[in-house]
Amino acid sequence: MTSSPSNPQSEVPNPKSPVPVLLPELGTADEPVRVSAWFVEVGDLVETGEPILEVMVAGVTCDVCSPAAGRISRALKDLDAVVLPGEVLAWVTP
């Protein structure tokens, strides 16, 4: 009995699958991180690396950039929301 070769197409992600925008590790585990500004709205087009929101930790602001080019399909956090590293903040659909 021979095994069938794996289908390489099944291992390729769908290019239209939404990409999560994650809060990066900011190195301040003891300090709360808050969403301080959104630079985009749902439906806006963004480029890879474009700042889409700002977070504040210990009085310092940091931009969170889009990991992919596409359209903002969901924004999950409101202004002033406390967020954790690795948490999904938004989705970008290529």
PDB file of N, CA and C in Angstrom:
ATOM      1  N   MET A   1       0.852  -1.171   0.000  1.00  0.00           N
ATOM      2  CA  MET A   1       0.000   0.000   0.000  1.00  0.00           C
ATOM      3  C   MET A   1       0.900   1.237   0.000  1.00  0.00           C
ATOM      4  N   THR A   2       0.606   2.179  -0.876  1.00  0.00           N
ATOM      5  CA  THR A   2       1.402   3.398  -0.951  1.00  0.00           C
ATOM      6  C   THR A   2       0.614   4.544  -0.342  1.00  0.00           C
ATOM      7  N   SER A   3       1.344   5.434   0.272  1.00  0.00           N
ATOM      8  CA  SER A   3       0.664   6.588   0.847  1.00  0.00           C
ATOM      9  C   SER A   3       0.634   7.701  -0.196  1.00  0.00           C
ATOM     10  N   SER A   4      -0.398   8.471  -0.144  1.00  0.00           N
ATOM     11  CA  SER A   4      -0.505   9.571  -1.098  1.00  0.00           C
ATOM     12  C   SER A   4       0.335  10.737  -0.588  1.00  0.00           C
ATOM     13  N   PRO A   5       0.964  11.466  -1.511  1.00  0.00           N
ATOM     14  CA  PRO A   5       1.762  12.615  -1.087  1.00  0.00           C
ATOM     15  C   PRO A   5       0.870  13.680  -0.448  1.00  0.00           C
ATOM     16  N   SER A   6       1.450  14.422   0.479  1.00  0.00           N
ATOM     17  CA  SER A   6       0.653  15.477   1.111  1.00  0.00           C
ATOM     18  C   SER A   6       0.348  16.558   0.082  1.00  0.00           C
ATOM     19  N   ASN A   7      -0.738  17.210   0.276  1.00  0.00           N
ATOM     20  CA  ASN A   7      -1.170  18.265  -0.626  1.00  0.00           C
ATOM     21  C   ASN A   7      -0.533  19.569  -0.167  1.00  0.00           C
ATOM     22  N   PRO A   8       0.452  20.104  -0.892  1.00  0.00           N
ATOM     23  CA  PRO A   8       1.095  21.335  -0.447  1.00  0.00           C
ATOM     24  C   PRO A   8       0.128  22.513  -0.373  1.00  0.00           C
ATOM     25  N   GLN A   9      -0.931  22.489  -1.161  1.00  0.00           N
ATOM     26  CA  GLN A   9      -1.904  23.579  -1.120  1.00  0.00           C
ATOM     27  C   GLN A   9      -2.607  23.645   0.231  1.00  0.00           C
ATOM     28  N   SER A  10      -2.765  22.484   0.902  1.00  0.00           N
ATOM     29  CA  SER A  10      -3.458  22.490   2.182  1.00  0.00           C
ATOM     30  C   SER A  10      -2.591  23.097   3.286  1.00  0.00           C
ATOM     31  N   GLU A  11      -1.286  23.226   3.050  1.00  0.00           N
ATOM     32  CA  GLU A  11      -0.378  23.763   4.046  1.00  0.00           C
ATOM     33  C   GLU A  11      -0.118  25.256   3.848  1.00  0.00           C
ATOM     34  N   VAL A  12      -0.592  25.815   2.770  1.00  0.00           N
ATOM     35  CA  VAL A  12      -0.397  27.233   2.485  1.00  0.00           C
ATOM     36  C   VAL A  12      -1.571  28.004   3.082  1.00  0.00           C
ATOM     37  N   PRO A  13      -1.292  29.008   3.933  1.00  0.00           N
ATOM     38  CA  PRO A  13      -2.413  29.765   4.499  1.00  0.00           C
ATOM     39  C   PRO A  13      -3.160  30.532   3.418  1.00  0.00           C
ATOM     40  N   ASN A  14      -4.433  30.732   3.648  1.00  0.00           N
ATOM     41  CA  ASN A  14      -5.266  31.492   2.733  1.00  0.00           C
ATOM     42  C   ASN A  14      -4.772  32.944   2.737  1.00  0.00           C
ATOM     43  N   PRO A  15      -4.403  33.497   1.574  1.00  0.00           N
ATOM     44  CA  PRO A  15      -3.871  34.856   1.549  1.00  0.00           C
ATOM     45  C   PRO A  15      -4.895  35.908   1.991  1.00  0.00           C
ATOM     46  N   LYS A  16      -6.160  35.557   2.039  1.00  0.00           N
ATOM     47  CA  LYS A  16      -7.194  36.500   2.459  1.00  0.00           C
ATOM     48  C   LYS A  16      -7.593  36.293   3.922  1.00  0.00           C
ATOM     49  N   SER A  17      -6.914  35.388   4.626  1.00  0.00           N
ATOM     50  CA  SER A  17      -7.221  35.176   6.035  1.00  0.00           C
ATOM     51  C   SER A  17      -6.812  36.402   6.842  1.00  0.00           C
ATOM     52  N   PRO A  18      -7.656  36.844   7.766  1.00  0.00           N
ATOM     53  CA  PRO A  18      -7.300  37.996   8.600  1.00  0.00           C
ATOM     54  C   PRO A  18      -6.033  37.739   9.407  1.00  0.00           C
ATOM     55  N   VAL A  19      -5.256  38.792   9.597  1.00  0.00           N
ATOM     56  CA  VAL A  19      -4.002  38.730  10.342  1.00  0.00           C
ATOM     57  C   VAL A  19      -4.219  39.488  11.659  1.00  0.00           C
ATOM     58  N   PRO A  20      -3.885  38.855  12.795  1.00  0.00           N
ATOM     59  CA  PRO A  20      -4.087  39.553  14.063  1.00  0.00           C
ATOM     60  C   PRO A  20      -3.044  40.633  14.306  1.00  0.00           C
ATOM     61  N   VAL A  21      -3.467  41.729  14.905  1.00  0.00           N
ATOM     62  CA  VAL A  21      -2.561  42.773  15.386  1.00  0.00           C
ATOM     63  C   VAL A  21      -2.404  42.507  16.878  1.00  0.00           C
ATOM     64  N   LEU A  22      -1.204  42.116  17.288  1.00  0.00           N
ATOM     65  CA  LEU A  22      -0.956  41.729  18.671  1.00  0.00           C
ATOM     66  C   LEU A  22      -0.204  42.821  19.419  1.00  0.00           C
ATOM     67  N   LEU A  23      -0.478  42.936  20.708  1.00  0.00           N
ATOM     68  CA  LEU A  23       0.308  43.843  21.532  1.00  0.00           C
ATOM     69  C   LEU A  23       1.658  43.191  21.773  1.00  0.00           C
ATOM     70  N   PRO A  24       2.745  43.857  21.388  1.00  0.00           N
ATOM     71  CA  PRO A  24       4.071  43.267  21.597  1.00  0.00           C
ATOM     72  C   PRO A  24       4.458  43.300  23.073  1.00  0.00           C
ATOM     73  N   GLU A  25       5.457  42.520  23.426  1.00  0.00           N
ATOM     74  CA  GLU A  25       6.034  42.549  24.772  1.00  0.00           C
ATOM     75  C   GLU A  25       6.757  43.877  24.916  1.00  0.00           C
ATOM     76  N   LEU A  26       6.393  44.635  25.936  1.00  0.00           N
ATOM     77  CA  LEU A  26       6.984  45.957  26.117  1.00  0.00           C
ATOM     78  C   LEU A  26       7.991  45.991  27.256  1.00  0.00           C
ATOM     79  N   GLY A  27       8.208  44.858  27.910  1.00  0.00           N
ATOM     80  CA  GLY A  27       9.223  44.780  28.959  1.00  0.00           C
ATOM     81  C   GLY A  27       8.817  45.379  30.282  1.00  0.00           C
ATOM     82  N   THR A  28       7.535  45.618  30.479  1.00  0.00           N
ATOM     83  CA  THR A  28       7.075  46.205  31.737  1.00  0.00           C
ATOM     84  C   THR A  28       5.935  45.359  32.293  1.00  0.00           C
ATOM     85  N   ALA A  29       6.264  44.209  32.839  1.00  0.00           N
ATOM     86  CA  ALA A  29       5.245  43.263  33.300  1.00  0.00           C
ATOM     87  C   ALA A  29       4.410  43.810  34.452  1.00  0.00           C
ATOM     88  N   ASP A  30       4.969  44.713  35.255  1.00  0.00           N
ATOM     89  CA  ASP A  30       4.255  45.206  36.427  1.00  0.00           C
ATOM     90  C   ASP A  30       3.342  46.395  36.137  1.00  0.00           C
ATOM     91  N   GLU A  31       3.498  47.017  34.996  1.00  0.00           N
ATOM     92  CA  GLU A  31       2.737  48.221  34.672  1.00  0.00           C
ATOM     93  C   GLU A  31       1.567  47.889  33.741  1.00  0.00           C
ATOM     94  N   PRO A  32       0.383  48.474  33.989  1.00  0.00           N
ATOM     95  CA  PRO A  32      -0.728  48.271  33.053  1.00  0.00           C
ATOM     96  C   PRO A  32      -0.455  48.986  31.731  1.00  0.00           C
ATOM     97  N   VAL A  33      -0.883  48.362  30.658  1.00  0.00           N
ATOM     98  CA  VAL A  33      -0.757  48.946  29.324  1.00  0.00           C
ATOM     99  C   VAL A  33      -2.166  49.332  28.884  1.00  0.00           C
ATOM    100  N   ARG A  34      -2.332  50.589  28.470  1.00  0.00           N
ATOM    101  CA  ARG A  34      -3.650  51.084  28.070  1.00  0.00           C
ATOM    102  C   ARG A  34      -3.626  51.563  26.620  1.00  0.00           C
ATOM    103  N   VAL A  35      -4.731  51.331  25.918  1.00  0.00           N
ATOM    104  CA  VAL A  35      -4.901  51.878  24.572  1.00  0.00           C
ATOM    105  C   VAL A  35      -5.154  53.371  24.737  1.00  0.00           C
ATOM    106  N   SER A  36      -4.263  54.201  24.169  1.00  0.00           N
ATOM    107  CA  SER A  36      -4.394  55.645  24.346  1.00  0.00           C
ATOM    108  C   SER A  36      -4.888  56.366  23.089  1.00  0.00           C
ATOM    109  N   ALA A  37      -4.785  55.742  21.912  1.00  0.00           N
ATOM    110  CA  ALA A  37      -5.274  56.375  20.683  1.00  0.00           C
ATOM    111  C   ALA A  37      -5.382  55.338  19.573  1.00  0.00           C
ATOM    112  N   TRP A  38      -6.385  55.511  18.729  1.00  0.00           N
ATOM    113  CA  TRP A  38      -6.491  54.754  17.482  1.00  0.00           C
ATOM    114  C   TRP A  38      -6.211  55.733  16.344  1.00  0.00           C
ATOM    115  N   PHE A  39      -5.351  55.336  15.419  1.00  0.00           N
ATOM    116  CA  PHE A  39      -5.040  56.173  14.255  1.00  0.00           C
ATOM    117  C   PHE A  39      -5.867  55.787  13.036  1.00  0.00           C
ATOM    118  N   VAL A  40      -6.568  54.657  13.124  1.00  0.00           N
ATOM    119  CA  VAL A  40      -7.368  54.150  12.004  1.00  0.00           C
ATOM    120  C   VAL A  40      -8.744  53.760  12.514  1.00  0.00           C
ATOM    121  N   GLU A  41      -9.646  53.532  11.561  1.00  0.00           N
ATOM    122  CA  GLU A  41     -10.986  53.045  11.872  1.00  0.00           C
ATOM    123  C   GLU A  41     -11.216  51.766  11.086  1.00  0.00           C
ATOM    124  N   VAL A  42     -12.199  50.999  11.505  1.00  0.00           N
ATOM    125  CA  VAL A  42     -12.570  49.793  10.768  1.00  0.00           C
ATOM    126  C   VAL A  42     -12.905  50.199   9.342  1.00  0.00           C
ATOM    127  N   GLY A  43     -12.336  49.470   8.380  1.00  0.00           N
ATOM    128  CA  GLY A  43     -12.551  49.761   6.960  1.00  0.00           C
ATOM    129  C   GLY A  43     -11.398  50.502   6.317  1.00  0.00           C
ATOM    130  N   ASP A  44     -10.525  51.109   7.128  1.00  0.00           N
ATOM    131  CA  ASP A  44      -9.378  51.839   6.573  1.00  0.00           C
ATOM    132  C   ASP A  44      -8.349  50.876   5.981  1.00  0.00           C
ATOM    133  N   LEU A  45      -7.683  51.324   4.912  1.00  0.00           N
ATOM    134  CA  LEU A  45      -6.576  50.568   4.328  1.00  0.00           C
ATOM    135  C   LEU A  45      -5.284  50.956   5.035  1.00  0.00           C
ATOM    136  N   VAL A  46      -4.433  49.951   5.306  1.00  0.00           N
ATOM    137  CA  VAL A  46      -3.155  50.191   5.976  1.00  0.00           C
ATOM    138  C   VAL A  46      -2.049  49.445   5.238  1.00  0.00           C
ATOM    139  N   GLU A  47      -0.833  49.911   5.442  1.00  0.00           N
ATOM    140  CA  GLU A  47       0.351  49.266   4.886  1.00  0.00           C
ATOM    141  C   GLU A  47       1.075  48.515   6.000  1.00  0.00           C
ATOM    142  N   THR A  48       1.880  47.542   5.631  1.00  0.00           N
ATOM    143  CA  THR A  48       2.704  46.836   6.602  1.00  0.00           C
ATOM    144  C   THR A  48       3.617  47.841   7.299  1.00  0.00           C
ATOM    145  N   GLY A  49       3.644  47.782   8.629  1.00  0.00           N
ATOM    146  CA  GLY A  49       4.491  48.683   9.403  1.00  0.00           C
ATOM    147  C   GLY A  49       3.879  50.031   9.720  1.00  0.00           C
ATOM    148  N   GLU A  50       2.686  50.296   9.213  1.00  0.00           N
ATOM    149  CA  GLU A  50       2.012  51.569   9.490  1.00  0.00           C
ATOM    150  C   GLU A  50       1.466  51.573  10.921  1.00  0.00           C
ATOM    151  N   PRO A  51       1.722  52.636  11.699  1.00  0.00           N
ATOM    152  CA  PRO A  51       1.140  52.718  13.042  1.00  0.00           C
ATOM    153  C   PRO A  51      -0.378  52.777  12.965  1.00  0.00           C
ATOM    154  N   ILE A  52      -1.045  51.896  13.738  1.00  0.00           N
ATOM    155  CA  ILE A  52      -2.507  51.889  13.712  1.00  0.00           C
ATOM    156  C   ILE A  52      -3.127  52.257  15.053  1.00  0.00           C
ATOM    157  N   LEU A  53      -2.361  52.098  16.133  1.00  0.00           N
ATOM    158  CA  LEU A  53      -2.834  52.538  17.426  1.00  0.00           C
ATOM    159  C   LEU A  53      -1.658  52.847  18.325  1.00  0.00           C
ATOM    160  N   GLU A  54      -1.972  53.507  19.423  1.00  0.00           N
ATOM    161  CA  GLU A  54      -0.950  53.896  20.386  1.00  0.00           C
ATOM    162  C   GLU A  54      -1.350  53.327  21.740  1.00  0.00           C
ATOM    163  N   VAL A  55      -0.357  52.814  22.465  1.00  0.00           N
ATOM    164  CA  VAL A  55      -0.589  52.356  23.829  1.00  0.00           C
ATOM    165  C   VAL A  55       0.306  53.159  24.759  1.00  0.00           C
ATOM    166  N   MET A  56      -0.098  53.222  26.028  1.00  0.00           N
ATOM    167  CA  MET A  56       0.690  53.945  27.017  1.00  0.00           C
ATOM    168  C   MET A  56       1.002  53.008  28.177  1.00  0.00           C
ATOM    169  N   VAL A  57       2.274  53.043  28.596  1.00  0.00           N
ATOM    170  CA  VAL A  57       2.701  52.271  29.758  1.00  0.00           C
ATOM    171  C   VAL A  57       3.690  53.125  30.540  1.00  0.00           C
ATOM    172  N   ALA A  58       3.471  53.258  31.830  1.00  0.00           N
ATOM    173  CA  ALA A  58       4.352  54.037  32.709  1.00  0.00           C
ATOM    174  C   ALA A  58       4.575  55.454  32.176  1.00  0.00           C
ATOM    175  N   GLY A  59       3.538  56.050  31.590  1.00  0.00           N
ATOM    176  CA  GLY A  59       3.634  57.416  31.099  1.00  0.00           C
ATOM    177  C   GLY A  59       4.326  57.569  29.758  1.00  0.00           C
ATOM    178  N   VAL A  60       4.705  56.461  29.135  1.00  0.00           N
ATOM    179  CA  VAL A  60       5.388  56.490  27.838  1.00  0.00           C
ATOM    180  C   VAL A  60       4.455  55.896  26.788  1.00  0.00           C
ATOM    181  N   THR A  61       4.381  56.551  25.618  1.00  0.00           N
ATOM    182  CA  THR A  61       3.541  56.025  24.543  1.00  0.00           C
ATOM    183  C   THR A  61       4.378  55.216  23.561  1.00  0.00           C
ATOM    184  N   CYS A  62       3.709  54.254  22.944  1.00  0.00           N
ATOM    185  CA  CYS A  62       4.353  53.362  21.975  1.00  0.00           C
ATOM    186  C   CYS A  62       3.344  53.056  20.876  1.00  0.00           C
ATOM    187  N   ASP A  63       3.776  53.171  19.622  1.00  0.00           N
ATOM    188  CA  ASP A  63       2.906  52.831  18.493  1.00  0.00           C
ATOM    189  C   ASP A  63       2.880  51.322  18.293  1.00  0.00           C
ATOM    190  N   VAL A  64       1.709  50.818  17.921  1.00  0.00           N
ATOM    191  CA  VAL A  64       1.558  49.427  17.498  1.00  0.00           C
ATOM    192  C   VAL A  64       1.279  49.479  16.004  1.00  0.00           C
ATOM    193  N   CYS A  65       2.104  48.779  15.229  1.00  0.00           N
ATOM    194  CA  CYS A  65       2.034  48.856  13.766  1.00  0.00           C
ATOM    195  C   CYS A  65       1.335  47.649  13.168  1.00  0.00           C
ATOM    196  N   SER A  66       0.818  47.834  11.972  1.00  0.00           N
ATOM    197  CA  SER A  66       0.142  46.759  11.261  1.00  0.00           C
ATOM    198  C   SER A  66       1.155  45.706  10.815  1.00  0.00           C
ATOM    199  N   PRO A  67       0.859  44.425  11.059  1.00  0.00           N
ATOM    200  CA  PRO A  67       1.754  43.362  10.620  1.00  0.00           C
ATOM    201  C   PRO A  67       1.591  43.002   9.146  1.00  0.00           C
ATOM    202  N   ALA A  68       0.568  43.581   8.494  1.00  0.00           N
ATOM    203  CA  ALA A  68       0.298  43.247   7.092  1.00  0.00           C
ATOM    204  C   ALA A  68      -0.408  44.415   6.417  1.00  0.00           C
ATOM    205  N   ALA A  69      -0.300  44.444   5.101  1.00  0.00           N
ATOM    206  CA  ALA A  69      -1.055  45.418   4.316  1.00  0.00           C
ATOM    207  C   ALA A  69      -2.458  44.881   4.127  1.00  0.00           C
ATOM    208  N   GLY A  70      -3.426  45.770   4.185  1.00  0.00           N
ATOM    209  CA  GLY A  70      -4.805  45.341   3.983  1.00  0.00           C
ATOM    210  C   GLY A  70      -5.774  46.329   4.580  1.00  0.00           C
ATOM    211  N   ARG A  71      -6.945  45.815   4.947  1.00  0.00           N
ATOM    212  CA  ARG A  71      -8.024  46.640   5.486  1.00  0.00           C
ATOM    213  C   ARG A  71      -8.255  46.251   6.942  1.00  0.00           C
ATOM    214  N   ILE A  72      -8.429  47.251   7.797  1.00  0.00           N
ATOM    215  CA  ILE A  72      -8.764  46.982   9.193  1.00  0.00           C
ATOM    216  C   ILE A  72     -10.175  46.388   9.203  1.00  0.00           C
ATOM    217  N   SER A  73     -10.279  45.120   9.577  1.00  0.00           N
ATOM    218  CA  SER A  73     -11.585  44.464   9.550  1.00  0.00           C
ATOM    219  C   SER A  73     -12.262  44.451  10.915  1.00  0.00           C
ATOM    220  N   ARG A  74     -11.466  44.527  11.991  1.00  0.00           N
ATOM    221  CA  ARG A  74     -12.042  44.595  13.341  1.00  0.00           C
ATOM    222  C   ARG A  74     -11.083  45.335  14.254  1.00  0.00           C
ATOM    223  N   ALA A  75     -11.626  46.161  15.123  1.00  0.00           N
ATOM    224  CA  ALA A  75     -10.866  46.796  16.208  1.00  0.00           C
ATOM    225  C   ALA A  75     -11.496  46.286  17.493  1.00  0.00           C
ATOM    226  N   LEU A  76     -10.720  45.583  18.308  1.00  0.00           N
ATOM    227  CA  LEU A  76     -11.290  44.870  19.449  1.00  0.00           C
ATOM    228  C   LEU A  76     -11.223  45.610  20.779  1.00  0.00           C
ATOM    229  N   LYS A  77     -10.404  46.635  20.867  1.00  0.00           N
ATOM    230  CA  LYS A  77     -10.211  47.318  22.148  1.00  0.00           C
ATOM    231  C   LYS A  77     -10.627  48.780  22.059  1.00  0.00           C
ATOM    232  N   ASP A  78     -11.315  49.243  23.088  1.00  0.00           N
ATOM    233  CA  ASP A  78     -11.726  50.637  23.174  1.00  0.00           C
ATOM    234  C   ASP A  78     -10.595  51.483  23.739  1.00  0.00           C
ATOM    235  N   LEU A  79     -10.716  52.793  23.600  1.00  0.00           N
ATOM    236  CA  LEU A  79      -9.779  53.703  24.242  1.00  0.00           C
ATOM    237  C   LEU A  79      -9.800  53.453  25.747  1.00  0.00           C
ATOM    238  N   ASP A  80      -8.639  53.507  26.352  1.00  0.00           N
ATOM    239  CA  ASP A  80      -8.444  53.309  27.795  1.00  0.00           C
ATOM    240  C   ASP A  80      -8.541  51.854  28.233  1.00  0.00           C
ATOM    241  N   ALA A  81      -8.751  50.928  27.303  1.00  0.00           N
ATOM    242  CA  ALA A  81      -8.782  49.507  27.670  1.00  0.00           C
ATOM    243  C   ALA A  81      -7.403  49.074  28.144  1.00  0.00           C
ATOM    244  N   VAL A  82      -7.365  48.265  29.195  1.00  0.00           N
ATOM    245  CA  VAL A  82      -6.110  47.679  29.664  1.00  0.00           C
ATOM    246  C   VAL A  82      -5.877  46.412  28.856  1.00  0.00           C
ATOM    247  N   VAL A  83      -4.677  46.283  28.286  1.00  0.00           N
ATOM    248  CA  VAL A  83      -4.358  45.152  27.420  1.00  0.00           C
ATOM    249  C   VAL A  83      -3.077  44.464  27.897  1.00  0.00           C
ATOM    250  N   LEU A  84      -2.935  43.203  27.507  1.00  0.00           N
ATOM    251  CA  LEU A  84      -1.789  42.392  27.902  1.00  0.00           C
ATOM    252  C   LEU A  84      -0.937  42.039  26.694  1.00  0.00           C
ATOM    253  N   PRO A  85       0.378  41.857  26.879  1.00  0.00           N
ATOM    254  CA  PRO A  85       1.230  41.432  25.768  1.00  0.00           C
ATOM    255  C   PRO A  85       0.691  40.145  25.129  1.00  0.00           C
ATOM    256  N   GLY A  86       0.679  40.120  23.803  1.00  0.00           N
ATOM    257  CA  GLY A  86       0.189  38.978  23.055  1.00  0.00           C
ATOM    258  C   GLY A  86      -1.303  39.013  22.787  1.00  0.00           C
ATOM    259  N   GLU A  87      -2.008  39.959  23.388  1.00  0.00           N
ATOM    260  CA  GLU A  87      -3.440  40.074  23.191  1.00  0.00           C
ATOM    261  C   GLU A  87      -3.752  40.639  21.801  1.00  0.00           C
ATOM    262  N   VAL A  88      -4.814  40.122  21.180  1.00  0.00           N
ATOM    263  CA  VAL A  88      -5.239  40.603  19.861  1.00  0.00           C
ATOM    264  C   VAL A  88      -5.960  41.941  20.041  1.00  0.00           C
ATOM    265  N   LEU A  89      -5.457  42.959  19.337  1.00  0.00           N
ATOM    266  CA  LEU A  89      -6.043  44.299  19.429  1.00  0.00           C
ATOM    267  C   LEU A  89      -6.956  44.604  18.248  1.00  0.00           C
ATOM    268  N   ALA A  90      -6.626  44.015  17.101  1.00  0.00           N
ATOM    269  CA  ALA A  90      -7.387  44.282  15.876  1.00  0.00           C
ATOM    270  C   ALA A  90      -7.071  43.173  14.872  1.00  0.00           C
ATOM    271  N   TRP A  91      -7.791  43.191  13.754  1.00  0.00           N
ATOM    272  CA  TRP A  91      -7.544  42.254  12.660  1.00  0.00           C
ATOM    273  C   TRP A  91      -7.392  43.048  11.359  1.00  0.00           C
ATOM    274  N   VAL A  92      -6.434  42.618  10.549  1.00  0.00           N
ATOM    275  CA  VAL A  92      -6.207  43.201   9.226  1.00  0.00           C
ATOM    276  C   VAL A  92      -6.477  42.108   8.191  1.00  0.00           C
ATOM    277  N   THR A  93      -7.321  42.395   7.223  1.00  0.00           N
ATOM    278  CA  THR A  93      -7.590  41.436   6.155  1.00  0.00           C
ATOM    279  C   THR A  93      -6.838  41.883   4.903  1.00  0.00           C
ATOM    280  N   PRO A  94      -5.909  41.030   4.435  1.00  0.00           N
ATOM    281  CA  PRO A  94      -5.105  41.387   3.241  1.00  0.00           C
ATOM    282  C   PRO A  94      -5.966  41.586   2.009  1.00  0.00           C
TER     283      PRO A  94
END
